[in-house]
PDB file of all heavy atoms in Angstrom:
ATOM      1  N   TRP A   1     -17.758  10.023   2.574  1.00  0.00           N
ATOM      2  CA  TRP A   1     -18.511  10.514   3.739  1.00  0.00           C
ATOM      3  C   TRP A   1     -19.985  10.135   3.645  1.00  0.00           C
ATOM      4  O   TRP A   1     -20.571   9.688   4.632  1.00  0.00           O
ATOM      5  CB  TRP A   1     -18.315  12.033   3.820  1.00  0.00           C
ATOM      6  CG  TRP A   1     -19.142  12.755   4.831  1.00  0.00           C
ATOM      7  CD1 TRP A   1     -18.946  12.790   6.184  1.00  0.00           C
ATOM      8  CD2 TRP A   1     -20.279  13.590   4.569  1.00  0.00           C
ATOM      9  NE1 TRP A   1     -19.900  13.595   6.764  1.00  0.00           N
ATOM     10  CE2 TRP A   1     -20.726  14.102   5.806  1.00  0.00           C
ATOM     11  CE3 TRP A   1     -20.952  13.966   3.401  1.00  0.00           C
ATOM     12  CZ2 TRP A   1     -21.819  14.960   5.902  1.00  0.00           C
ATOM     13  CZ3 TRP A   1     -22.041  14.808   3.498  1.00  0.00           C
ATOM     14  CH2 TRP A   1     -22.472  15.284   4.735  1.00  0.00           C
ATOM     15  N   LYS A   2     -20.560  10.304   2.462  1.00  0.00           N
ATOM     16  CA  LYS A   2     -21.982   9.992   2.291  1.00  0.00           C
ATOM     17  C   LYS A   2     -22.222   8.486   2.281  1.00  0.00           C
ATOM     18  O   LYS A   2     -23.193   7.998   2.875  1.00  0.00           O
ATOM     19  CB  LYS A   2     -22.500  10.616   0.998  1.00  0.00           C
ATOM     20  CG  LYS A   2     -24.021  10.754   0.950  1.00  0.00           C
ATOM     21  CD  LYS A   2     -24.501  11.768   1.972  1.00  0.00           C
ATOM     22  CE  LYS A   2     -25.988  11.967   1.944  1.00  0.00           C
ATOM     23  NZ  LYS A   2     -26.411  13.023   2.907  1.00  0.00           N
ATOM     24  N   LEU A   3     -21.381   7.729   1.605  1.00  0.00           N
ATOM     25  CA  LEU A   3     -21.528   6.271   1.591  1.00  0.00           C
ATOM     26  C   LEU A   3     -21.410   5.698   3.002  1.00  0.00           C
ATOM     27  O   LEU A   3     -22.128   4.762   3.369  1.00  0.00           O
ATOM     28  CB  LEU A   3     -20.477   5.643   0.675  1.00  0.00           C
ATOM     29  CG  LEU A   3     -20.687   5.819  -0.832  1.00  0.00           C
ATOM     30  CD1 LEU A   3     -19.433   5.410  -1.596  1.00  0.00           C
ATOM     31  CD2 LEU A   3     -21.883   5.018  -1.315  1.00  0.00           C
ATOM     32  N   ALA A   4     -20.501   6.270   3.786  1.00  0.00           N
ATOM     33  CA  ALA A   4     -20.274   5.769   5.148  1.00  0.00           C
ATOM     34  C   ALA A   4     -21.503   5.963   6.032  1.00  0.00           C
ATOM     35  O   ALA A   4     -21.656   5.259   7.042  1.00  0.00           O
ATOM     36  CB  ALA A   4     -19.059   6.456   5.767  1.00  0.00           C
ATOM     37  N   GLN A   5     -22.389   6.893   5.678  1.00  0.00           N
ATOM     38  CA  GLN A   5     -23.603   7.132   6.463  1.00  0.00           C
ATOM     39  C   GLN A   5     -24.672   6.080   6.229  1.00  0.00           C
ATOM     40  O   GLN A   5     -25.623   5.966   7.011  1.00  0.00           O
ATOM     41  CB  GLN A   5     -24.171   8.509   6.131  1.00  0.00           C
ATOM     42  CG  GLN A   5     -23.275   9.668   6.546  1.00  0.00           C
ATOM     43  CD  GLN A   5     -23.783  10.992   6.025  1.00  0.00           C
ATOM     44  OE1 GLN A   5     -24.952  11.146   5.667  1.00  0.00           O
ATOM     45  NE2 GLN A   5     -22.912  11.990   5.931  1.00  0.00           N
ATOM     46  N   SER A   6     -24.551   5.299   5.148  1.00  0.00           N
ATOM     47  CA  SER A   6     -25.567   4.309   4.809  1.00  0.00           C
ATOM     48  C   SER A   6     -25.497   3.110   5.752  1.00  0.00           C
ATOM     49  O   SER A   6     -24.421   2.543   5.962  1.00  0.00           O
ATOM     50  CB  SER A   6     -25.389   3.828   3.370  1.00  0.00           C
ATOM     51  OG  SER A   6     -26.249   2.740   3.095  1.00  0.00           O
ATOM     52  N   ASN A   7     -26.639   2.721   6.264  1.00  0.00           N
ATOM     53  CA  ASN A   7     -26.691   1.521   7.100  1.00  0.00           C
ATOM     54  C   ASN A   7     -26.417   0.255   6.310  1.00  0.00           C
ATOM     55  O   ASN A   7     -26.196  -0.805   6.885  1.00  0.00           O
ATOM     56  CB  ASN A   7     -28.061   1.414   7.785  1.00  0.00           C
ATOM     57  CG  ASN A   7     -28.255   2.497   8.839  1.00  0.00           C
ATOM     58  OD1 ASN A   7     -27.324   2.851   9.553  1.00  0.00           O
ATOM     59  ND2 ASN A   7     -29.475   3.037   8.935  1.00  0.00           N
ATOM     60  N   ARG A   8     -26.427   0.376   4.980  1.00  0.00           N
ATOM     61  CA  ARG A   8     -26.156  -0.776   4.127  1.00  0.00           C
ATOM     62  C   ARG A   8     -24.660  -1.066   3.991  1.00  0.00           C
ATOM     63  O   ARG A   8     -24.291  -2.156   3.565  1.00  0.00           O
ATOM     64  CB  ARG A   8     -26.748  -0.550   2.734  1.00  0.00           C
ATOM     65  CG  ARG A   8     -28.259  -0.393   2.701  1.00  0.00           C
ATOM     66  CD  ARG A   8     -28.748  -0.292   1.279  1.00  0.00           C
ATOM     67  NE  ARG A   8     -28.425  -1.498   0.529  1.00  0.00           N
ATOM     68  CZ  ARG A   8     -28.495  -1.592  -0.791  1.00  0.00           C
ATOM     69  NH1 ARG A   8     -28.877  -0.542  -1.506  1.00  0.00           N
ATOM     70  NH2 ARG A   8     -28.158  -2.724  -1.404  1.00  0.00           N
ATOM     71  N   VAL A   9     -23.819  -0.097   4.341  1.00  0.00           N
ATOM     72  CA  VAL A   9     -22.379  -0.236   4.117  1.00  0.00           C
ATOM     73  C   VAL A   9     -21.703  -0.811   5.354  1.00  0.00           C
ATOM     74  O   VAL A   9     -21.762  -0.230   6.442  1.00  0.00           O
ATOM     75  CB  VAL A   9     -21.745   1.117   3.744  1.00  0.00           C
ATOM     76  CG1 VAL A   9     -20.230   0.975   3.622  1.00  0.00           C
ATOM     77  CG2 VAL A   9     -22.334   1.636   2.435  1.00  0.00           C
ATOM     78  N   LYS A  10     -21.073  -1.955   5.170  1.00  0.00           N
ATOM     79  CA  LYS A  10     -20.326  -2.589   6.250  1.00  0.00           C
ATOM     80  C   LYS A  10     -18.868  -2.136   6.218  1.00  0.00           C
ATOM     81  O   LYS A  10     -18.309  -1.704   7.226  1.00  0.00           O
ATOM     82  CB  LYS A  10     -20.417  -4.114   6.137  1.00  0.00           C
ATOM     83  CG  LYS A  10     -19.654  -4.861   7.236  1.00  0.00           C
ATOM     84  CD  LYS A  10     -19.769  -6.371   7.041  1.00  0.00           C
ATOM     85  CE  LYS A  10     -18.968  -7.110   8.117  1.00  0.00           C
ATOM     86  NZ  LYS A  10     -19.036  -8.587   7.913  1.00  0.00           N
ATOM     87  N   ARG A  11     -18.235  -2.250   5.054  1.00  0.00           N
ATOM     88  CA  ARG A  11     -16.826  -1.911   4.915  1.00  0.00           C
ATOM     89  C   ARG A  11     -16.646  -1.045   3.680  1.00  0.00           C
ATOM     90  O   ARG A  11     -17.268  -1.269   2.644  1.00  0.00           O
ATOM     91  CB  ARG A  11     -15.996  -3.187   4.802  1.00  0.00           C
ATOM     92  CG  ARG A  11     -14.500  -2.978   4.977  1.00  0.00           C
ATOM     93  CD  ARG A  11     -13.778  -4.305   5.152  1.00  0.00           C
ATOM     94  NE  ARG A  11     -12.362  -4.096   5.452  1.00  0.00           N
ATOM     95  CZ  ARG A  11     -11.472  -5.072   5.514  1.00  0.00           C
ATOM     96  NH1 ARG A  11     -11.874  -6.348   5.354  1.00  0.00           N
ATOM     97  NH2 ARG A  11     -10.193  -4.792   5.783  1.00  0.00           N
ATOM     98  N   LEU A  12     -15.781  -0.034   3.800  1.00  0.00           N
ATOM     99  CA  LEU A  12     -15.536   0.884   2.697  1.00  0.00           C
ATOM    100  C   LEU A  12     -14.043   1.061   2.509  1.00  0.00           C
ATOM    101  O   LEU A  12     -13.346   1.512   3.411  1.00  0.00           O
ATOM    102  CB  LEU A  12     -16.213   2.229   2.968  1.00  0.00           C
ATOM    103  CG  LEU A  12     -16.014   3.353   1.934  1.00  0.00           C
ATOM    104  CD1 LEU A  12     -16.506   2.939   0.554  1.00  0.00           C
ATOM    105  CD2 LEU A  12     -16.738   4.627   2.397  1.00  0.00           C
ATOM    106  N   TRP A  13     -13.563   0.688   1.311  1.00  0.00           N
ATOM    107  CA  TRP A  13     -12.180   0.940   0.922  1.00  0.00           C
ATOM    108  C   TRP A  13     -12.148   2.090  -0.079  1.00  0.00           C
ATOM    109  O   TRP A  13     -13.034   2.214  -0.931  1.00  0.00           O
ATOM    110  CB  TRP A  13     -11.559  -0.283   0.235  1.00  0.00           C
ATOM    111  CG  TRP A  13     -11.534  -1.544   1.033  1.00  0.00           C
ATOM    112  CD1 TRP A  13     -10.684  -1.865   2.052  1.00  0.00           C
ATOM    113  CD2 TRP A  13     -12.360  -2.691   0.840  1.00  0.00           C
ATOM    114  NE1 TRP A  13     -10.932  -3.122   2.505  1.00  0.00           N
ATOM    115  CE2 TRP A  13     -11.962  -3.663   1.783  1.00  0.00           C
ATOM    116  CE3 TRP A  13     -13.402  -2.994  -0.041  1.00  0.00           C
ATOM    117  CZ2 TRP A  13     -12.579  -4.907   1.869  1.00  0.00           C
ATOM    118  CZ3 TRP A  13     -14.020  -4.228   0.049  1.00  0.00           C
ATOM    119  CH2 TRP A  13     -13.610  -5.170   0.995  1.00  0.00           C
ATOM    120  N   VAL A  14     -11.113   2.925  -0.006  1.00  0.00           N
ATOM    121  CA  VAL A  14     -10.939   4.020  -0.954  1.00  0.00           C
ATOM    122  C   VAL A  14      -9.517   3.965  -1.500  1.00  0.00           C
ATOM    123  O   VAL A  14      -8.552   3.951  -0.739  1.00  0.00           O
ATOM    124  CB  VAL A  14     -11.206   5.385  -0.307  1.00  0.00           C
ATOM    125  CG1 VAL A  14     -11.198   6.471  -1.390  1.00  0.00           C
ATOM    126  CG2 VAL A  14     -12.549   5.394   0.422  1.00  0.00           C
ATOM    127  N   ALA A  15      -9.402   3.927  -2.823  1.00  0.00           N
ATOM    128  CA  ALA A  15      -8.096   3.815  -3.481  1.00  0.00           C
ATOM    129  C   ALA A  15      -7.844   5.023  -4.378  1.00  0.00           C
ATOM    130  O   ALA A  15      -8.557   5.200  -5.371  1.00  0.00           O
ATOM    131  CB  ALA A  15      -8.044   2.530  -4.316  1.00  0.00           C
ATOM    132  N   PRO A  16      -6.862   5.878  -4.036  1.00  0.00           N
ATOM    133  CA  PRO A  16      -5.963   5.785  -2.888  1.00  0.00           C
ATOM    134  C   PRO A  16      -6.456   6.527  -1.638  1.00  0.00           C
ATOM    135  O   PRO A  16      -5.850   6.400  -0.583  1.00  0.00           O
ATOM    136  CB  PRO A  16      -4.690   6.440  -3.424  1.00  0.00           C
ATOM    137  CG  PRO A  16      -5.184   7.518  -4.342  1.00  0.00           C
ATOM    138  CD  PRO A  16      -6.429   6.954  -4.986  1.00  0.00           C
ATOM    139  N   GLY A  17      -7.523   7.320  -1.778  1.00  0.00           N
ATOM    140  CA  GLY A  17      -7.988   8.109  -0.639  1.00  0.00           C
ATOM    141  C   GLY A  17      -7.096   9.302  -0.358  1.00  0.00           C
ATOM    142  O   GLY A  17      -6.231   9.664  -1.149  1.00  0.00           O
ATOM    143  N   ASN A  18      -7.296   9.938   0.806  1.00  0.00           N
ATOM    144  CA  ASN A  18      -6.462  11.065   1.217  1.00  0.00           C
ATOM    145  C   ASN A  18      -6.507  11.202   2.737  1.00  0.00           C
ATOM    146  O   ASN A  18      -7.126  10.375   3.423  1.00  0.00           O
ATOM    147  CB  ASN A  18      -6.895  12.370   0.517  1.00  0.00           C
ATOM    148  CG  ASN A  18      -8.341  12.782   0.824  1.00  0.00           C
ATOM    149  OD1 ASN A  18      -8.816  12.657   1.962  1.00  0.00           O
ATOM    150  ND2 ASN A  18      -9.044  13.301  -0.164  1.00  0.00           N
ATOM    151  N   GLY A  19      -5.865  12.245   3.245  1.00  0.00           N
ATOM    152  CA  GLY A  19      -5.731  12.393   4.688  1.00  0.00           C
ATOM    153  C   GLY A  19      -7.041  12.571   5.426  1.00  0.00           C
ATOM    154  O   GLY A  19      -7.171  12.210   6.601  1.00  0.00           O
ATOM    155  N   GLY A  20      -8.055  13.116   4.757  1.00  0.00           N
ATOM    156  CA  GLY A  20      -9.355  13.297   5.397  1.00  0.00           C
ATOM    157  C   GLY A  20     -10.218  12.061   5.332  1.00  0.00           C
ATOM    158  O   GLY A  20     -10.901  11.706   6.305  1.00  0.00           O
ATOM    159  N   ILE A  21     -10.185  11.381   4.192  1.00  0.00           N
ATOM    160  CA  ILE A  21     -10.956  10.151   4.029  1.00  0.00           C
ATOM    161  C   ILE A  21     -10.542   9.130   5.076  1.00  0.00           C
ATOM    162  O   ILE A  21     -11.369   8.379   5.617  1.00  0.00           O
ATOM    163  CB  ILE A  21     -10.775   9.588   2.603  1.00  0.00           C
ATOM    164  CG1 ILE A  21     -11.406  10.544   1.589  1.00  0.00           C
ATOM    165  CG2 ILE A  21     -11.381   8.192   2.483  1.00  0.00           C
ATOM    166  CD1 ILE A  21     -11.121  10.195   0.139  1.00  0.00           C
ATOM    167  N   ALA A  22      -9.253   9.116   5.390  1.00  0.00           N
ATOM    168  CA  ALA A  22      -8.723   8.159   6.361  1.00  0.00           C
ATOM    169  C   ALA A  22      -9.327   8.338   7.748  1.00  0.00           C
ATOM    170  O   ALA A  22      -9.229   7.437   8.584  1.00  0.00           O
ATOM    171  CB  ALA A  22      -7.201   8.276   6.433  1.00  0.00           C
ATOM    172  N   GLY A  23      -9.962   9.458   8.012  1.00  0.00           N
ATOM    173  CA  GLY A  23     -10.561   9.708   9.327  1.00  0.00           C
ATOM    174  C   GLY A  23     -12.048   9.414   9.405  1.00  0.00           C
ATOM    175  O   GLY A  23     -12.657   9.569  10.467  1.00  0.00           O
ATOM    176  N   GLU A  24     -12.668   8.991   8.282  1.00  0.00           N
ATOM    177  CA  GLU A  24     -14.096   8.707   8.272  1.00  0.00           C
ATOM    178  C   GLU A  24     -14.399   7.326   8.862  1.00  0.00           C
ATOM    179  O   GLU A  24     -13.552   6.424   8.846  1.00  0.00           O
ATOM    180  CB  GLU A  24     -14.666   8.795   6.855  1.00  0.00           C
ATOM    181  CG  GLU A  24     -14.523  10.179   6.212  1.00  0.00           C
ATOM    182  CD  GLU A  24     -15.347  11.248   6.896  1.00  0.00           C
ATOM    183  OE1 GLU A  24     -16.301  10.910   7.651  1.00  0.00           O
ATOM    184  OE2 GLU A  24     -15.055  12.445   6.693  1.00  0.00           O
ATOM    185  N   VAL A  25     -15.614   7.164   9.363  1.00  0.00           N
ATOM    186  CA  VAL A  25     -16.059   5.913  10.000  1.00  0.00           C
ATOM    187  C   VAL A  25     -17.448   5.581   9.469  1.00  0.00           C
ATOM    188  O   VAL A  25     -18.292   6.468   9.297  1.00  0.00           O
ATOM    189  CB  VAL A  25     -16.101   6.057  11.542  1.00  0.00           C
ATOM    190  CG1 VAL A  25     -16.593   4.773  12.194  1.00  0.00           C
ATOM    191  CG2 VAL A  25     -14.721   6.425  12.081  1.00  0.00           C
ATOM    192  N   THR A  26     -17.721   4.309   9.198  1.00  0.00           N
ATOM    193  CA  THR A  26     -19.035   3.904   8.712  1.00  0.00           C
ATOM    194  C   THR A  26     -20.075   3.993   9.831  1.00  0.00           C
ATOM    195  O   THR A  26     -19.737   4.115  11.014  1.00  0.00           O
ATOM    196  CB  THR A  26     -19.015   2.465   8.166  1.00  0.00           C
ATOM    197  OG1 THR A  26     -18.830   1.556   9.257  1.00  0.00           O
ATOM    198  CG2 THR A  26     -17.905   2.284   7.137  1.00  0.00           C
ATOM    199  N   ALA A  27     -21.349   3.901   9.433  1.00  0.00           N
ATOM    200  CA  ALA A  27     -22.435   3.944  10.412  1.00  0.00           C
ATOM    201  C   ALA A  27     -22.325   2.817  11.424  1.00  0.00           C
ATOM    202  O   ALA A  27     -22.774   2.939  12.572  1.00  0.00           O
ATOM    203  CB  ALA A  27     -23.786   3.878   9.691  1.00  0.00           C
ATOM    204  N   GLY A  28     -21.703   1.710  11.016  1.00  0.00           N
ATOM    205  CA  GLY A  28     -21.512   0.574  11.914  1.00  0.00           C
ATOM    206  C   GLY A  28     -20.261   0.654  12.763  1.00  0.00           C
ATOM    207  O   GLY A  28     -19.952  -0.282  13.508  1.00  0.00           O
TER     208      GLY A  28
END
């Protein structure tokens, strides 16, 4: 959630992640 807020982040993969992470969106 915090990484996704950074304007520096274009793409974010999470391994394996979970049901909530799957709903996050980057600043872009």
